[in-house]
Amino acid sequence: MHDKLEAISNRFYDLEEQMSDPKVVNDTARFSKVHKEYKDLQPIVAAFKTLKQYESELAGAKEMLNEGDEELRVMAKAEITSLQEEIEKLETEIKELLIPKDPEDSKDIILEIRSGTGGDEASIFAGDLLRMYTRFFEKQGWKTELIYENQGAVGGYNKVVLEVTGDDVYGKMKFESGTHRVQRVPKTEAQGRVHTSAATVVAVPKLELDDVNINKADLRVDTFRASGAGGQHVNKTESGVRFTHIPTGIVSESTESRSQHKNREIAMGRLLSKIQEAQVQLHNEGIAAQRKSIVGSGDRSEKIRTYNFPQNRLTDHRINLTLYNLDVIMDGYIEDIIEKLRVADNAEKMKGQSVYV
């Protein structure tokens, strides 16, 4: 591992020099790329520096064992034990840092929340999830833009779509994709009985054309008049956008926004996701079926979490996590849950399993 860490350190200091090079500084795209790699390597290099310091101190403590002074030997033994524990802990942290990052973790996302089974209560719960996420986004310093909303009959949303931008948005929000189940007494329930409803959450990374191996010439774009909810505007202008990837026949469209420009962005993102998924599947043909990640596949039919309001309890079924502070969690404090999912995901990766979220 030391050889790998030395190579990473050398690369880190090379990037540091590049960021002082006027040619790099004046090339915005190149500087951005160099700076991102530099920033990614920074915690690894810092941890390696500390590791070398601990190892040097350990070697010194072991030399003290040869001293004739008994008091010094006792002190050395205690220091050796302490340093060995610190080194073991730090090596584990470094192994986690060395796990290849999902290249999409740094991307912004399109977040979609839909009401599921449960009628009006499901729509209200979808609204509660939106509020929870919005407050979480505020704490992260992320920006949001409402793309589409279809409100429920008695509150909440049948469907709501947001664009979320910031640092490592997909890296955190990818763990939220799936079916969220709620157990509580609905406001519309006169008998006071607990009902079970559900809402689905999908977090999709915003992809750019350069992220996927396709030729612009292979794309056909059509605009059309959107139909359905949205008032007169969508029926009078060609705001709907449809992309077709001619070689594969893959089609993607969007009518969510009144803006054709925004619909173009959404439709393109969906198309790129579909094409990328198809390319990944093709690449993995012949490889044994991957074991399902403990953090779930993001399939909408998969129950990932239960929110039990009468017991103030949240259960994440993927990692058998149970918390009894649901009221706090619904206020946007979900960082701890996401961190536990990330740690569990990394633990699976360290076992050598292929994990895909």
Protein backbone atom coordinates (compact mmCIF):
# COMPACT_ATOMS: atom_id res chain seq x y z
CA MET A 1 0.00 0.00 0.00
CA HIS A 2 2.93 2.33 0.75
CA ASP A 3 4.14 2.22 -2.86
CA LYS A 4 0.68 3.20 -4.08
CA LEU A 5 0.47 6.01 -1.53
CA GLU A 6 3.92 7.30 -2.53
CA ALA A 7 2.80 7.39 -6.17
CA ILE A 8 -0.37 9.27 -5.19
CA SER A 9 1.71 11.77 -3.18
CA ASN A 10 4.00 12.36 -6.14
CA ARG A 11 0.99 12.96 -8.37
CA PHE A 12 -0.49 15.33 -5.76
CA TYR A 13 2.62 17.51 -5.62
CA ASP A 14 2.86 17.46 -9.42
CA LEU A 15 -0.71 18.80 -9.60
CA GLU A 16 0.20 21.44 -7.00
CA GLU A 17 2.96 22.67 -9.29
CA GLN A 18 0.63 22.65 -12.30
CA MET A 19 -1.80 24.95 -10.48
CA SER A 20 0.98 27.54 -10.29
CA ASP A 21 1.75 27.24 -14.01
CA PRO A 22 0.37 30.28 -15.90
CA LYS A 23 -0.53 28.07 -18.87
CA VAL A 24 -2.79 25.97 -16.63
CA VAL A 25 -4.15 28.93 -14.67
CA ASN A 26 -5.20 30.71 -17.87
CA ASP A 27 -6.92 27.62 -19.26
CA THR A 28 -10.16 27.50 -17.26
CA ALA A 29 -11.18 23.98 -18.31
CA ARG A 30 -7.72 22.50 -17.67
CA PHE A 31 -7.33 24.30 -14.33
CA SER A 32 -10.74 23.05 -13.21
CA LYS A 33 -9.78 19.47 -14.06
CA VAL A 34 -6.39 19.73 -12.32
CA HIS A 35 -7.92 21.38 -9.25
CA LYS A 36 -10.60 18.69 -8.95
CA GLU A 37 -8.01 15.89 -9.04
CA TYR A 38 -5.85 17.79 -6.55
CA LYS A 39 -8.79 18.21 -4.20
CA ASP A 40 -9.71 14.51 -4.48
CA LEU A 41 -6.17 13.41 -3.59
CA GLN A 42 -5.75 15.88 -0.72
CA PRO A 43 -7.32 13.76 2.08
CA ILE A 44 -5.35 10.68 0.99
CA VAL A 45 -2.03 12.54 1.04
CA ALA A 46 -2.83 14.12 4.42
CA ALA A 47 -3.67 10.69 5.89
CA PHE A 48 -0.48 9.18 4.43
CA LYS A 49 1.59 11.99 5.96
CA THR A 50 0.09 11.24 9.38
CA LEU A 51 0.64 7.51 8.87
CA LYS A 52 4.35 8.05 8.17
CA GLN A 53 4.61 10.23 11.28
CA TYR A 54 3.01 7.50 13.43
CA GLU A 55 5.29 4.85 11.93
CA SER A 56 8.35 6.99 12.67
CA GLU A 57 7.21 7.47 16.27
CA LEU A 58 6.57 3.72 16.55
CA ALA A 59 10.10 2.93 15.39
CA GLY A 60 11.45 5.36 18.00
CA ALA A 61 9.36 3.80 20.76
CA LYS A 62 10.62 0.33 19.84
CA GLU A 63 14.20 1.56 20.13
CA MET A 64 13.41 2.74 23.66
CA LEU A 65 12.70 -0.87 24.62
CA ASN A 66 16.44 -1.51 24.41
CA GLU A 67 17.18 1.20 26.96
CA GLY A 68 18.35 0.11 30.39
CA ASP A 69 15.91 2.37 32.22
CA GLU A 70 12.84 0.32 33.30
CA GLU A 71 10.65 3.40 33.51
CA LEU A 72 11.49 4.27 29.89
CA ARG A 73 10.65 0.72 28.78
CA VAL A 74 7.25 0.89 30.50
CA MET A 75 6.53 4.22 28.78
CA ALA A 76 7.69 2.80 25.45
CA LYS A 77 5.39 -0.23 25.72
CA ALA A 78 2.40 1.99 26.43
CA GLU A 79 3.29 4.27 23.51
CA ILE A 80 3.75 1.29 21.18
CA THR A 81 0.31 -0.07 22.03
CA SER A 82 -1.28 3.33 21.48
CA LEU A 83 0.53 3.95 18.20
CA GLN A 84 -0.29 0.50 16.83
CA GLU A 85 -3.99 1.15 17.48
CA GLU A 86 -3.80 4.54 15.78
CA ILE A 87 -1.93 3.09 12.80
CA GLU A 88 -4.49 0.29 12.40
CA LYS A 89 -7.35 2.80 12.53
CA LEU A 90 -5.65 5.12 10.04
CA GLU A 91 -4.86 2.29 7.61
CA THR A 92 -8.56 1.38 7.57
CA GLU A 93 -9.46 5.01 6.82
CA ILE A 94 -6.88 5.12 4.02
CA LYS A 95 -8.25 1.91 2.49
CA GLU A 96 -11.69 3.57 2.39
CA LEU A 97 -10.20 6.68 0.79
CA LEU A 98 -8.52 4.51 -1.87
CA ILE A 99 -11.83 2.96 -2.95
CA PRO A 100 -12.50 4.29 -6.47
CA LYS A 101 -15.21 6.93 -6.36
CA ASP A 102 -18.29 6.70 -8.47
CA PRO A 103 -17.47 9.26 -11.20
CA GLU A 104 -21.07 10.45 -11.04
CA ASP A 105 -20.95 11.30 -7.31
CA SER A 106 -19.94 14.90 -8.01
CA LYS A 107 -22.84 15.49 -10.41
CA ASP A 108 -26.00 17.49 -9.83
CA ILE A 109 -29.29 15.62 -9.91
CA ILE A 110 -32.88 15.59 -11.07
CA LEU A 111 -34.95 14.54 -8.07
CA GLU A 112 -38.40 13.08 -8.59
CA ILE A 113 -40.86 12.31 -5.79
CA ARG A 114 -44.14 10.51 -6.63
CA SER A 115 -47.03 9.46 -4.44
CA GLY A 116 -47.54 5.69 -4.44
CA THR A 117 -50.14 3.43 -2.89
CA GLY A 118 -52.32 5.11 -0.30
CA GLY A 119 -54.35 7.74 -2.16
CA ASP A 120 -54.46 11.20 -0.59
CA GLU A 121 -52.24 10.14 2.32
CA ALA A 122 -49.53 9.08 -0.13
CA SER A 123 -49.63 12.54 -1.73
CA ILE A 124 -49.36 14.21 1.68
CA PHE A 125 -46.39 11.97 2.52
CA ALA A 126 -44.72 12.87 -0.78
CA GLY A 127 -45.05 16.51 0.31
CA ASP A 128 -43.49 15.64 3.68
CA LEU A 129 -40.53 14.02 1.92
CA LEU A 130 -40.11 17.11 -0.25
CA ARG A 131 -40.03 19.29 2.86
CA MET A 132 -37.49 16.96 4.52
CA TYR A 133 -35.20 16.99 1.50
CA THR A 134 -35.55 20.74 0.94
CA ARG A 135 -34.42 21.43 4.49
CA PHE A 136 -31.53 18.99 4.05
CA PHE A 137 -30.50 20.79 0.84
CA GLU A 138 -30.50 24.11 2.69
CA LYS A 139 -28.19 22.69 5.36
CA GLN A 140 -25.84 21.44 2.60
CA GLY A 141 -25.82 24.83 0.88
CA TRP A 142 -27.26 23.31 -2.31
CA LYS A 143 -29.53 25.18 -4.72
CA THR A 144 -32.86 23.86 -6.00
CA GLU A 145 -35.08 24.71 -8.95
CA LEU A 146 -38.65 23.48 -9.22
CA ILE A 147 -39.14 21.82 -12.60
CA TYR A 148 -42.60 20.33 -12.28
CA GLU A 149 -45.32 19.91 -9.68
CA ASN A 150 -48.69 18.18 -9.65
CA GLN A 151 -50.33 18.86 -6.32
CA GLY A 152 -52.55 16.37 -4.51
CA ALA A 153 -56.25 16.92 -3.96
CA VAL A 154 -55.92 17.50 -0.18
CA GLY A 155 -52.28 18.61 -0.02
CA GLY A 156 -48.86 17.30 -0.86
CA TYR A 157 -47.94 16.16 -4.35
CA ASN A 158 -48.85 13.45 -6.80
CA LYS A 159 -45.52 14.23 -8.46
CA VAL A 160 -42.83 16.85 -8.00
CA VAL A 161 -39.53 17.23 -9.87
CA LEU A 162 -36.55 19.33 -8.74
CA GLU A 163 -33.13 20.12 -10.11
CA VAL A 164 -30.57 20.13 -7.29
CA THR A 165 -27.10 21.64 -7.75
CA GLY A 166 -24.13 21.73 -5.39
CA ASP A 167 -21.11 19.72 -4.24
CA ASP A 168 -21.34 15.90 -4.42
CA VAL A 169 -25.13 15.98 -4.71
CA TYR A 170 -25.54 12.59 -6.38
CA GLY A 171 -22.92 11.06 -4.08
CA LYS A 172 -25.28 11.63 -1.16
CA MET A 173 -28.72 11.54 -2.72
CA LYS A 174 -28.23 8.27 -4.66
CA PHE A 175 -28.95 6.41 -1.43
CA GLU A 176 -32.46 7.91 -1.33
CA SER A 177 -33.76 6.25 -4.50
CA GLY A 178 -36.45 3.66 -3.79
CA THR A 179 -39.80 3.22 -2.10
CA HIS A 180 -40.37 5.07 1.18
CA ARG A 181 -43.18 3.65 3.32
CA VAL A 182 -45.09 5.62 5.95
CA GLN A 183 -47.21 4.30 8.83
CA ARG A 184 -49.41 6.81 10.63
CA VAL A 185 -52.99 7.96 11.24
CA PRO A 186 -53.98 10.04 8.17
CA LYS A 187 -55.57 13.43 8.66
CA THR A 188 -58.51 12.09 6.66
CA GLU A 189 -58.98 9.07 8.99
CA ALA A 190 -61.96 9.60 11.33
CA GLN A 191 -61.51 6.32 13.26
CA GLY A 192 -57.92 7.00 14.28
CA ARG A 193 -56.55 3.88 12.59
CA VAL A 194 -52.95 3.63 11.41
CA HIS A 195 -52.63 3.37 7.62
CA THR A 196 -49.67 2.37 5.49
CA SER A 197 -48.88 4.44 2.39
CA ALA A 198 -45.88 4.92 0.16
CA ALA A 199 -44.02 7.35 -2.07
CA THR A 200 -41.17 6.74 -4.49
CA VAL A 201 -38.01 8.79 -4.75
CA VAL A 202 -35.66 8.76 -7.74
CA ALA A 203 -32.38 10.70 -7.83
CA VAL A 204 -30.85 10.74 -11.32
CA PRO A 205 -27.43 12.31 -12.01
CA LYS A 206 -27.44 15.10 -14.57
CA LEU A 207 -25.30 13.81 -17.40
CA GLU A 208 -23.65 15.81 -20.14
CA LEU A 209 -23.10 14.63 -23.71
CA ASP A 210 -19.38 14.15 -23.01
CA ASP A 211 -20.19 11.69 -20.20
CA VAL A 212 -21.56 9.07 -22.59
CA ASN A 213 -19.96 7.53 -25.66
CA ILE A 214 -22.36 8.73 -28.37
CA ASN A 215 -22.11 10.80 -31.53
CA LYS A 216 -24.14 14.02 -31.74
CA ALA A 217 -24.92 13.15 -35.35
CA ASP A 218 -26.77 10.06 -34.12
CA LEU A 219 -29.34 12.14 -32.23
CA ARG A 220 -32.67 13.35 -33.60
CA VAL A 221 -34.59 16.00 -31.69
CA ASP A 222 -38.31 16.72 -32.07
CA THR A 223 -40.42 19.37 -30.40
CA PHE A 224 -44.14 19.05 -29.86
CA ARG A 225 -47.05 20.57 -28.02
CA ALA A 226 -47.27 19.18 -24.51
CA SER A 227 -50.63 17.84 -23.38
CA GLY A 228 -52.19 17.29 -19.98
CA ALA A 229 -51.97 19.40 -16.84
CA GLY A 230 -50.22 22.71 -17.07
CA GLY A 231 -52.80 25.19 -18.28
CA GLN A 232 -53.22 26.73 -21.72
CA HIS A 233 -49.54 27.49 -22.19
CA VAL A 234 -48.43 23.93 -22.79
CA ASN A 235 -51.07 23.45 -25.46
CA LYS A 236 -50.15 26.59 -27.41
CA THR A 237 -46.38 26.27 -27.62
CA GLU A 238 -44.11 23.42 -28.63
CA SER A 239 -42.47 23.11 -25.21
CA GLY A 240 -42.23 19.31 -25.24
CA VAL A 241 -38.89 17.86 -26.37
CA ARG A 242 -38.14 14.34 -27.58
CA PHE A 243 -34.67 12.90 -28.29
CA THR A 244 -34.12 9.74 -30.31
CA HIS A 245 -30.79 7.91 -30.45
CA ILE A 246 -30.99 6.56 -34.00
CA PRO A 247 -28.53 3.60 -33.74
CA THR A 248 -30.28 2.06 -30.71
CA GLY A 249 -33.78 3.46 -31.10
CA ILE A 250 -33.71 4.70 -27.50
CA VAL A 251 -36.20 7.52 -26.99
CA SER A 252 -36.53 10.04 -24.18
CA GLU A 253 -38.80 13.04 -23.79
CA SER A 254 -39.87 15.67 -21.32
CA THR A 255 -42.96 17.82 -20.94
CA GLU A 256 -42.52 18.68 -17.25
CA SER A 257 -41.45 22.28 -17.72
CA ARG A 258 -43.11 25.13 -19.57
CA SER A 259 -39.65 26.02 -20.84
CA GLN A 260 -38.51 24.18 -23.95
CA HIS A 261 -34.90 24.81 -22.91
CA LYS A 262 -35.46 23.09 -19.54
CA ASN A 263 -37.36 20.22 -21.17
CA ARG A 264 -34.44 19.80 -23.56
CA GLU A 265 -32.07 19.50 -20.57
CA ILE A 266 -34.28 16.96 -18.80
CA ALA A 267 -34.92 14.87 -21.92
CA MET A 268 -31.22 14.84 -22.76
CA GLY A 269 -30.34 13.76 -19.22
CA ARG A 270 -32.83 10.91 -19.39
CA LEU A 271 -31.58 9.82 -22.80
CA LEU A 272 -27.96 9.82 -21.66
CA SER A 273 -28.88 7.79 -18.57
CA LYS A 274 -30.65 5.19 -20.73
CA ILE A 275 -27.79 4.96 -23.21
CA GLN A 276 -25.20 4.78 -20.45
CA GLU A 277 -27.17 2.00 -18.74
CA ALA A 278 -27.37 0.08 -22.02
CA GLN A 279 -23.61 0.51 -22.56
CA VAL A 280 -22.85 -0.69 -19.04
CA GLN A 281 -25.08 -3.74 -19.50
CA LEU A 282 -23.35 -4.54 -22.78
CA HIS A 283 -19.94 -4.17 -21.17
CA ASN A 284 -20.92 -6.49 -18.31
CA GLU A 285 -22.30 -9.28 -20.48
CA GLY A 286 -20.60 -12.53 -19.61
CA ILE A 287 -19.83 -11.34 -16.08
CA ALA A 288 -21.63 -13.24 -13.30
CA ALA A 289 -24.68 -11.52 -11.90
CA GLN A 290 -23.54 -9.00 -9.35
CA ARG A 291 -24.63 -9.38 -5.78
CA LYS A 292 -27.19 -6.79 -4.89
CA SER A 293 -25.74 -3.93 -2.86
CA ILE A 294 -26.94 -3.49 0.67
CA VAL A 295 -27.86 0.05 -0.27
CA GLY A 296 -30.33 -1.18 -2.86
CA SER A 297 -30.72 -0.92 -6.57
CA GLY A 298 -32.98 2.12 -6.56
CA ASP A 299 -35.82 0.13 -8.09
CA ARG A 300 -39.12 1.81 -7.38
CA SER A 301 -40.70 -1.44 -6.22
CA GLU A 302 -38.06 -1.86 -3.51
CA LYS A 303 -38.96 -0.76 0.02
CA ILE A 304 -35.88 0.92 1.42
CA ARG A 305 -37.22 2.77 4.46
CA THR A 306 -40.20 2.90 6.81
CA TYR A 307 -41.36 6.02 8.65
CA ASN A 308 -43.49 5.02 11.66
CA PHE A 309 -44.98 8.19 13.13
CA PRO A 310 -46.88 6.70 16.13
CA GLN A 311 -43.60 5.24 17.42
CA ASN A 312 -41.45 8.17 16.22
CA ARG A 313 -39.35 5.49 14.52
CA LEU A 314 -37.43 5.33 11.25
CA THR A 315 -36.11 2.03 9.89
CA ASP A 316 -33.73 1.74 6.96
CA HIS A 317 -34.15 -1.85 5.84
CA ARG A 318 -30.95 -1.98 3.78
CA ILE A 319 -28.63 -1.75 6.78
CA ASN A 320 -31.07 -2.72 9.58
CA LEU A 321 -30.84 0.80 11.01
CA THR A 322 -33.54 1.88 13.48
CA LEU A 323 -33.74 5.37 14.94
CA TYR A 324 -36.28 6.85 17.35
CA ASN A 325 -36.03 10.52 16.38
CA LEU A 326 -38.31 10.63 13.35
CA ASP A 327 -39.53 14.13 14.23
CA VAL A 328 -35.94 15.42 13.96
CA ILE A 329 -35.25 13.45 10.77
CA MET A 330 -38.33 14.90 9.05
CA ASP A 331 -36.84 18.33 9.76
CA GLY A 332 -34.05 17.57 7.31
CA TYR A 333 -31.49 15.96 9.61
CA ILE A 334 -30.70 12.95 7.42
CA GLU A 335 -26.92 13.42 7.16
CA ASP A 336 -26.26 10.72 9.77
CA ILE A 337 -28.40 8.17 7.89
CA ILE A 338 -26.67 8.94 4.60
CA GLU A 339 -23.25 8.65 6.25
CA LYS A 340 -24.11 5.22 7.69
CA LEU A 341 -25.25 4.07 4.24
CA ARG A 342 -22.04 5.37 2.71
CA VAL A 343 -19.91 3.56 5.29
CA ALA A 344 -21.84 0.32 4.72
CA ASP A 345 -21.44 0.74 0.97
CA ASN A 346 -17.68 1.23 1.35
CA ALA A 347 -17.46 -1.82 3.61
CA GLU A 348 -19.00 -3.92 0.84
CA LYS A 349 -16.58 -2.47 -1.70
CA MET A 350 -13.63 -3.26 0.57
CA LYS A 351 -14.74 -6.90 0.59
CA GLY A 352 -14.15 -6.88 -3.15
CA GLN A 353 -17.81 -7.02 -4.08
CA SER A 354 -19.06 -5.05 -7.04
CA VAL A 355 -21.49 -2.43 -5.79
CA TYR A 356 -23.76 -0.36 -7.97
CA VAL A 357 -26.32 2.11 -6.68
